[in-house]
């Protein structure tokens, strides 16, 4: 929908939000079925569509074994799984449970608030060694990419519950995991428009939304003759009125730049092109660490293929997709100085954003193996 706005001085209009109670046990039905009959409009050049009594136990560590602090009651209660796509309340309650059950290695914090006032939660997994380097994983910067949330929560679950058996390449890292970077948009895709891409920012009295992956400062506002970003609020690539104009991108910036732990790896999960891409997105020149990034991406692609037979292409953003200006990985690489900065485009080219539920687990497993192998490569180099 096109709206006429005064773009010279955009003004955010505060909005209020009635938030549901958080709970861990949640039956959210089949979200993909609920929204299957939504009308999808405005086809764009990159084939995407824009529409609207527990039992407490003392924590024991024996032979480096980390066990839950308490046992969960089961029975007729339904817990988090990777057989379906879950709502925000389930995702947040899941990481809260990890913190309660594994307090020796898990910490949950709120790194910021969304436009509509929702928490942006981060799960940190760490053995608290001061010499650790940092790994950043985020998902759902574009909310219609539901598979990214499933994958990142699976990685968190595997890290925590297998921590004592994993290699030092894994356990010597401080893992910063943001399962839903765009919580407003994620909820909106479940309740209103399945194909919504942007956040829920209001400018000029209208909710036009900002593409958060065009709102980072590096290369912000560049076009380069293609759709690198847009200054048109109704466009799906609308970059916002200024770099870091949105609270969601500010949360990423402030958390990373404010950390005393040096980050070595940055991975942002997206869908659906089955790609592993790295800087640059705003120009054709190769980045200074092109070969190392290419090798690291190839290591991940090989692990994916060995796991499931899927083939992911590896290369820089412009070569494999199109110009993209103001992206998180260009910023993390150039400004935050994170040497291994990747955007992983998950499945599937066949189903686009509506990946069937029966492919969730296989996707999770192939990416988990890819991330593990990347950590080995990073430590070796």
Protein backbone atom coordinates (compact mmCIF):
# COMPACT_ATOMS: atom_id res chain seq x y z
CA UNK A 1 0.00 0.00 0.00
CA UNK A 2 1.39 3.33 -0.99
CA UNK A 3 1.13 6.24 1.40
CA UNK A 4 1.93 9.90 0.84
CA UNK A 5 4.34 11.10 3.49
CA UNK A 6 6.61 14.01 4.21
CA UNK A 7 9.88 12.11 3.99
CA UNK A 8 12.08 15.05 4.83
CA UNK A 9 11.10 14.99 8.52
CA UNK A 10 9.53 11.64 9.36
CA UNK A 11 7.98 11.42 12.78
CA UNK A 12 7.43 8.24 14.73
CA UNK A 13 4.07 7.96 16.41
CA UNK A 14 4.15 6.06 19.67
CA UNK A 15 1.94 3.03 19.77
CA UNK A 16 0.65 0.98 22.66
CA UNK A 17 0.57 -2.76 22.84
CA UNK A 18 -1.36 -5.17 24.96
CA UNK A 19 1.03 -8.03 25.49
CA UNK A 20 -0.10 -11.59 26.22
CA UNK A 21 1.14 -13.39 29.28
CA UNK A 22 4.30 -15.37 28.79
CA UNK A 23 4.03 -19.09 29.24
CA UNK A 24 6.08 -22.12 28.40
CA UNK A 25 3.41 -24.67 27.65
CA UNK A 26 1.57 -23.45 24.61
CA UNK A 27 -0.46 -25.05 21.88
CA UNK A 28 -0.34 -22.57 19.04
CA UNK A 29 -1.96 -24.81 16.49
CA UNK A 30 -0.82 -24.80 12.88
CA UNK A 31 0.18 -21.23 12.13
CA UNK A 32 0.95 -21.96 8.51
CA UNK A 33 -2.56 -23.37 8.05
CA UNK A 34 -4.15 -20.43 9.83
CA UNK A 35 -2.61 -17.94 7.46
CA UNK A 36 -2.65 -19.95 4.24
CA UNK A 37 -5.56 -18.04 2.75
CA UNK A 38 -4.07 -14.58 3.25
CA UNK A 39 -4.05 -12.43 0.13
CA UNK A 40 -0.52 -11.76 -1.04
CA UNK A 41 0.20 -8.72 -3.20
CA UNK A 42 2.96 -6.53 -4.61
CA UNK A 43 5.37 -9.04 -6.13
CA UNK A 44 8.89 -7.60 -6.14
CA UNK A 45 12.07 -8.12 -8.12
CA UNK A 46 13.73 -10.63 -5.78
CA UNK A 47 10.71 -12.95 -5.80
CA UNK A 48 9.59 -11.91 -2.36
CA UNK A 49 6.11 -10.70 -1.42
CA UNK A 50 5.25 -7.80 0.87
CA UNK A 51 1.83 -7.89 2.52
CA UNK A 52 0.36 -6.87 5.17
CA UNK A 53 5.46 -27.46 42.91
CA UNK A 54 8.41 -28.19 40.76
CA UNK A 55 11.14 -30.37 42.19
CA UNK A 56 14.33 -28.38 42.70
CA UNK A 57 17.66 -30.12 42.58
CA UNK A 58 21.06 -28.83 43.49
CA UNK A 59 23.21 -28.19 40.43
CA UNK A 60 25.95 -30.80 40.32
CA UNK A 61 28.97 -30.76 38.07
CA UNK A 62 30.81 -34.04 37.93
CA UNK A 63 33.43 -34.75 35.31
CA UNK A 64 32.43 -31.52 33.55
CA UNK A 65 28.83 -32.79 33.32
CA UNK A 66 26.26 -29.99 33.43
CA UNK A 67 22.85 -31.25 34.55
CA UNK A 68 19.51 -29.46 34.87
CA UNK A 69 18.78 -27.78 38.18
CA UNK A 70 15.29 -29.22 38.27
CA UNK A 71 13.17 -31.80 36.53
CA UNK A 72 10.33 -30.72 34.29
CA UNK A 73 6.90 -32.21 34.86
CA UNK A 74 5.68 -33.88 31.76
CA UNK A 75 2.54 -35.89 31.12
CA UNK A 76 -0.11 -33.90 29.32
CA UNK A 77 2.01 -30.76 29.18
CA UNK A 78 3.28 -29.87 25.74
CA UNK A 79 6.85 -28.58 25.57
CA UNK A 80 8.96 -26.78 23.00
CA UNK A 81 9.74 -28.89 19.94
CA UNK A 82 10.90 -28.55 16.35
CA UNK A 83 7.92 -30.24 14.72
CA UNK A 84 6.10 -26.94 14.13
CA UNK A 85 6.57 -23.18 14.18
CA UNK A 86 5.94 -21.55 17.55
CA UNK A 87 4.75 -18.16 18.73
CA UNK A 88 6.92 -15.57 20.48
CA UNK A 89 5.71 -16.49 23.98
CA UNK A 90 6.86 -20.08 23.49
CA UNK A 91 10.26 -19.04 22.16
CA UNK A 92 10.91 -16.65 25.04
CA UNK A 93 9.66 -19.09 27.67
CA UNK A 94 11.93 -21.74 26.16
CA UNK A 95 15.11 -19.71 26.63
CA UNK A 96 13.93 -18.67 30.10
CA UNK A 97 13.64 -22.37 30.96
CA UNK A 98 17.17 -22.99 29.70
CA UNK A 99 18.41 -20.30 32.05
CA UNK A 100 16.49 -21.77 35.00
CA UNK A 101 17.58 -25.33 34.30
CA UNK A 102 21.22 -24.62 33.36
CA UNK A 103 22.19 -21.55 35.41
CA UNK A 104 25.89 -22.45 35.30
CA UNK A 105 26.11 -21.63 31.60
CA UNK A 106 22.92 -19.76 30.60
CA UNK A 107 21.90 -16.14 31.10
CA UNK A 108 18.89 -14.43 29.55
CA UNK A 109 18.84 -10.66 29.24
CA UNK A 110 16.75 -8.01 27.52
CA UNK A 111 18.98 -6.05 25.15
CA UNK A 112 16.33 -3.59 24.04
CA UNK A 113 12.68 -2.93 23.30
CA UNK A 114 10.93 -3.12 19.96
CA UNK A 115 8.93 -0.30 18.41
CA UNK A 116 5.78 -1.62 20.07
CA UNK A 117 7.48 -2.21 23.40
CA UNK A 118 8.20 -5.93 23.27
CA UNK A 119 11.37 -7.29 24.85
CA UNK A 120 14.25 -8.23 22.56
CA UNK A 121 15.70 -11.15 24.49
CA UNK A 122 19.19 -12.61 24.25
CA UNK A 123 20.38 -15.97 25.54
CA UNK A 124 24.06 -16.05 26.47
CA UNK A 125 25.73 -19.45 26.78
CA UNK A 126 29.17 -19.38 28.35
CA UNK A 127 31.52 -21.24 30.68
CA UNK A 128 32.54 -17.80 32.03
CA UNK A 129 36.14 -18.11 30.92
CA UNK A 130 37.59 -14.63 30.57
CA UNK A 131 39.63 -15.68 27.54
CA UNK A 132 36.60 -16.65 25.45
CA UNK A 133 35.82 -14.98 22.16
CA UNK A 134 32.26 -14.06 21.19
CA UNK A 135 29.83 -15.56 18.70
CA UNK A 136 26.70 -13.66 17.64
CA UNK A 137 23.71 -15.51 16.20
CA UNK A 138 20.46 -13.75 15.35
CA UNK A 139 17.26 -14.70 13.55
CA UNK A 140 14.02 -13.13 12.42
CA UNK A 141 15.26 -9.70 11.41
CA UNK A 142 12.73 -10.35 8.64
CA UNK A 143 9.75 -11.85 10.49
CA UNK A 144 8.24 -13.93 7.69
CA UNK A 145 11.38 -16.11 7.71
CA UNK A 146 10.04 -18.48 10.37
CA UNK A 147 12.56 -21.24 9.75
CA UNK A 148 15.34 -18.98 11.05
CA UNK A 149 13.71 -18.94 14.51
CA UNK A 150 13.41 -22.73 14.55
CA UNK A 151 17.05 -23.18 13.54
CA UNK A 152 18.49 -20.78 16.09
CA UNK A 153 16.48 -22.23 18.98
CA UNK A 154 17.60 -25.72 17.96
CA UNK A 155 21.22 -24.56 18.03
CA UNK A 156 20.67 -23.09 21.50
CA UNK A 157 19.11 -26.35 22.72
CA UNK A 158 21.97 -28.45 21.33
CA UNK A 159 24.62 -26.14 22.78
CA UNK A 160 23.15 -26.15 26.28
CA UNK A 161 22.13 -29.79 26.61
CA UNK A 162 25.34 -31.18 25.12
CA UNK A 163 27.79 -28.61 26.46
CA UNK A 164 29.88 -31.15 28.39
CA UNK A 165 30.46 -33.30 25.27
CA UNK A 166 31.24 -30.56 22.76
CA UNK A 167 34.72 -29.64 21.57
CA UNK A 168 36.72 -26.77 22.98
CA UNK A 169 36.11 -24.91 19.71
CA UNK A 170 32.48 -24.67 20.89
CA UNK A 171 32.88 -24.32 24.65
CA UNK A 172 35.61 -21.67 24.44
CA UNK A 173 33.10 -19.20 22.99
CA UNK A 174 30.57 -16.86 24.56
CA UNK A 175 27.43 -17.52 22.52
CA UNK A 176 25.07 -14.56 22.13
CA UNK A 177 21.80 -15.83 20.66
CA UNK A 178 18.90 -13.56 19.69
CA UNK A 179 16.08 -15.86 18.56
CA UNK A 180 13.66 -13.10 17.48
CA UNK A 181 15.26 -9.79 16.59
CA UNK A 182 12.00 -8.37 15.23
CA UNK A 183 9.38 -9.51 17.77
CA UNK A 184 6.64 -7.12 16.61
CA UNK A 185 6.88 -8.30 13.04
CA UNK A 186 7.08 -11.95 14.08
CA UNK A 187 3.83 -11.73 16.03
CA UNK A 188 2.25 -9.81 13.16
CA UNK A 189 3.04 -12.62 10.73
CA UNK A 190 1.18 -15.02 13.02
CA UNK A 191 -1.88 -12.85 13.62
CA UNK A 192 -2.33 -10.65 10.54
CA UNK A 193 -0.05 -10.94 7.51
CA UNK A 194 2.12 -13.99 7.00
CA UNK A 195 4.41 -12.26 4.48
CA UNK A 196 5.24 -9.12 6.50
CA UNK A 197 8.97 -8.32 6.13
CA UNK A 198 9.69 -5.09 8.04
CA UNK A 199 9.33 -3.92 11.62
CA UNK A 200 6.18 -2.12 12.78
CA UNK A 201 7.49 1.45 12.85
CA UNK A 202 4.98 4.26 12.44
CA UNK A 203 5.94 7.37 10.54
CA UNK A 204 3.56 10.19 9.68
CA UNK A 205 0.74 8.44 11.52
CA UNK A 206 0.95 5.32 9.35
CA UNK A 207 2.58 1.97 10.03
CA UNK A 208 4.91 1.71 7.07
CA UNK A 209 7.67 -0.36 8.69
CA UNK A 210 11.42 -0.28 8.17
CA UNK A 211 13.52 -3.03 6.64
CA UNK A 212 15.89 -3.55 9.58
CA UNK A 213 18.49 -5.15 7.33
CA UNK A 214 18.82 -1.84 5.49
CA UNK A 215 18.98 0.29 8.66
CA UNK A 216 22.60 -0.31 9.75
CA UNK A 217 25.05 2.52 9.26
CA UNK A 218 27.63 1.03 6.92
CA UNK A 219 26.64 1.77 3.33
CA UNK A 220 23.30 3.16 4.48
CA UNK A 221 21.44 5.02 1.76
CA UNK A 222 23.48 3.80 -1.19
CA UNK A 223 21.61 2.59 -4.24
CA UNK A 224 24.30 1.76 -6.84
CA UNK A 225 21.75 1.62 -9.64
CA UNK A 226 19.87 -1.33 -8.15
CA UNK A 227 17.52 -1.92 -5.24
CA UNK A 228 20.17 -1.70 -2.54
CA UNK A 229 17.66 0.12 -0.34
CA UNK A 230 14.81 2.57 -0.72
CA UNK A 231 13.87 5.96 0.70
CA UNK A 232 10.21 5.28 -0.13
CA UNK A 233 8.34 4.30 3.08
CA UNK A 234 5.92 2.02 1.25
CA UNK A 235 8.79 0.02 -0.31
CA UNK A 236 9.76 -3.32 1.22
CA UNK A 237 13.42 -2.20 1.27
CA UNK A 238 12.64 1.07 3.08
CA UNK A 239 15.80 1.88 5.02
CA UNK A 240 14.27 4.28 7.55
CA UNK A 241 14.88 8.02 7.93
CA UNK A 242 18.42 7.60 9.31
CA UNK A 243 20.95 4.90 10.18
CA UNK A 244 19.95 3.14 13.40
CA UNK A 245 16.64 4.95 13.50
CA UNK A 246 15.00 1.77 14.79
CA UNK A 247 15.30 0.41 18.34
CA UNK A 248 15.85 -3.13 17.09
CA UNK A 249 19.04 -2.26 15.19
CA UNK A 250 20.18 -0.02 18.04
CA UNK A 251 19.93 -3.04 20.36
CA UNK A 252 22.30 -4.99 18.12
CA UNK A 253 24.76 -2.12 17.81
CA UNK A 254 24.88 -1.28 21.51
CA UNK A 255 25.16 -4.89 22.66
CA UNK A 256 28.04 -5.73 20.35
CA UNK A 257 29.99 -2.49 20.70
CA UNK A 258 29.40 -2.46 24.45
CA UNK A 259 30.69 -5.98 25.00
CA UNK A 260 34.05 -6.52 26.69
CA UNK A 261 34.30 -9.86 24.88
CA UNK A 262 35.79 -9.54 21.39
CA UNK A 263 33.47 -11.07 18.80
CA UNK A 264 34.97 -13.39 16.24
CA UNK A 265 31.85 -14.71 14.48
CA UNK A 266 28.61 -13.02 13.41
CA UNK A 267 25.85 -15.04 11.72
CA UNK A 268 22.43 -13.68 10.81
CA UNK A 269 19.93 -16.33 9.72
CA UNK A 270 17.49 -15.64 6.89
CA UNK A 271 15.59 -17.58 4.22
CA UNK A 272 14.99 -18.81 1.55
CA UNK A 273 17.76 -18.83 -1.10
CA UNK A 274 20.01 -21.59 0.36
CA UNK A 275 23.11 -19.42 0.39
CA UNK A 276 26.03 -18.57 2.65
CA UNK A 277 27.00 -14.98 1.92
CA UNK A 278 29.42 -12.42 3.29
CA UNK A 279 30.45 -8.76 2.64
CA UNK A 280 30.20 -6.73 0.61
CA UNK A 281 26.60 -6.01 -0.26
CA UNK A 282 26.96 -2.35 -1.15
CA UNK A 283 29.70 -2.67 -3.78
CA UNK A 284 31.41 -5.17 -6.05
CA UNK A 285 34.92 -4.99 -4.62
CA UNK A 286 36.03 -8.03 -2.58
CA UNK A 287 36.39 -7.43 1.13
CA UNK A 288 39.90 -7.67 2.66
CA UNK A 289 39.25 -11.11 4.17
CA UNK A 290 37.52 -12.50 1.10
CA UNK A 291 39.50 -15.75 0.96
CA UNK A 292 39.09 -16.59 4.65
CA UNK A 293 35.38 -15.85 4.49
CA UNK A 294 35.05 -17.92 1.34
CA UNK A 295 36.89 -20.82 2.96
CA UNK A 296 34.82 -20.60 6.15
CA UNK A 297 31.61 -20.49 4.14
CA UNK A 298 32.74 -23.47 2.10
CA UNK A 299 33.37 -25.41 5.31
CA UNK A 300 29.76 -24.74 6.33
CA UNK A 301 28.41 -25.64 2.90
CA UNK A 302 30.34 -28.92 2.92
CA UNK A 303 28.96 -29.82 6.36
CA UNK A 304 25.43 -29.11 5.14
CA UNK A 305 25.87 -31.31 2.09
CA UNK A 306 27.36 -34.14 4.14
CA UNK A 307 24.41 -33.94 6.53
CA UNK A 308 21.46 -33.75 4.18
CA UNK A 309 22.69 -33.63 0.61
CA UNK A 310 21.57 -30.00 0.26
CA UNK A 311 23.84 -27.68 -1.75
CA UNK A 312 24.31 -24.14 -0.46
CA UNK A 313 26.19 -21.67 -2.65
CA UNK A 314 28.91 -19.52 -1.07
CA UNK A 315 30.00 -16.01 -2.03
CA UNK A 316 29.65 -12.33 -1.31
CA UNK A 317 26.26 -10.67 -1.18
CA UNK A 318 26.35 -8.85 -4.51
CA UNK A 319 27.63 -11.84 -6.48
CA UNK A 320 24.97 -14.24 -5.23
CA UNK A 321 21.95 -11.97 -4.78
CA UNK A 322 21.75 -8.20 -5.44
CA UNK A 323 22.97 -4.94 -3.99
CA UNK A 324 21.97 -4.59 -0.35
CA UNK A 325 23.03 -1.43 1.46
CA UNK A 326 22.97 -0.93 5.22
CA UNK A 327 23.00 -4.63 6.10
CA UNK A 328 23.95 -6.13 9.45
CA UNK A 329 26.83 -8.22 8.11
CA UNK A 330 28.47 -5.31 6.29
CA UNK A 331 28.22 -3.34 9.54
CA UNK A 332 29.47 -6.19 11.75
CA UNK A 333 32.44 -6.75 9.46
CA UNK A 334 33.44 -3.14 8.80
CA UNK A 335 32.43 -1.24 11.95
CA UNK A 336 32.32 -3.90 14.68
CA UNK A 337 35.41 -5.57 13.17
CA UNK A 338 34.03 -9.12 13.41
CA UNK A 339 36.20 -11.07 10.96
CA UNK A 340 33.79 -13.92 10.22
CA UNK A 341 30.52 -12.20 9.32
CA UNK A 342 27.93 -14.25 7.44
CA UNK A 343 24.32 -14.21 6.42
CA UNK A 344 22.97 -17.74 6.02
CA UNK A 345 19.95 -18.01 3.74
CA UNK A 346 18.15 -21.18 4.81
CA UNK A 347 15.70 -23.36 2.89
CA UNK A 348 13.87 -23.40 0.58
CA UNK A 349 13.87 -22.18 -2.99
CA UNK A 350 10.99 -24.54 -3.71
CA UNK A 351 8.66 -23.44 -0.91
CA UNK A 352 10.03 -19.93 -0.36
CA UNK A 353 9.00 -18.56 3.04
CA UNK A 354 6.46 -21.31 3.71
CA UNK A 355 8.86 -24.16 4.45
CA UNK A 356 6.80 -27.24 5.41
CA UNK A 357 6.97 -28.36 9.01
CA UNK A 358 8.37 -31.74 8.06
CA UNK A 359 11.56 -30.02 6.85
CA UNK A 360 12.23 -28.10 10.07
CA UNK A 361 14.26 -30.76 11.84
CA UNK A 362 16.42 -31.65 8.85
CA UNK A 363 17.17 -27.97 8.28
CA UNK A 364 18.09 -27.55 11.94
CA UNK A 365 20.47 -30.50 11.88
CA UNK A 366 22.30 -29.42 8.73
CA UNK A 367 22.85 -25.90 10.04
CA UNK A 368 23.92 -27.11 13.49
CA UNK A 369 26.63 -29.19 11.83
CA UNK A 370 27.60 -26.22 9.67
CA UNK A 371 28.03 -23.96 12.69
CA UNK A 372 30.09 -26.57 14.57
CA UNK A 373 32.41 -27.00 11.62
CA UNK A 374 32.81 -23.24 11.23
CA UNK A 375 33.96 -23.00 14.87
CA UNK A 376 36.67 -25.58 14.17
CA UNK A 377 37.80 -23.60 11.14
CA UNK A 378 37.85 -20.30 13.05
CA UNK A 379 40.02 -21.77 15.80
CA UNK A 380 42.42 -23.28 13.28
CA UNK A 381 42.88 -19.92 11.54
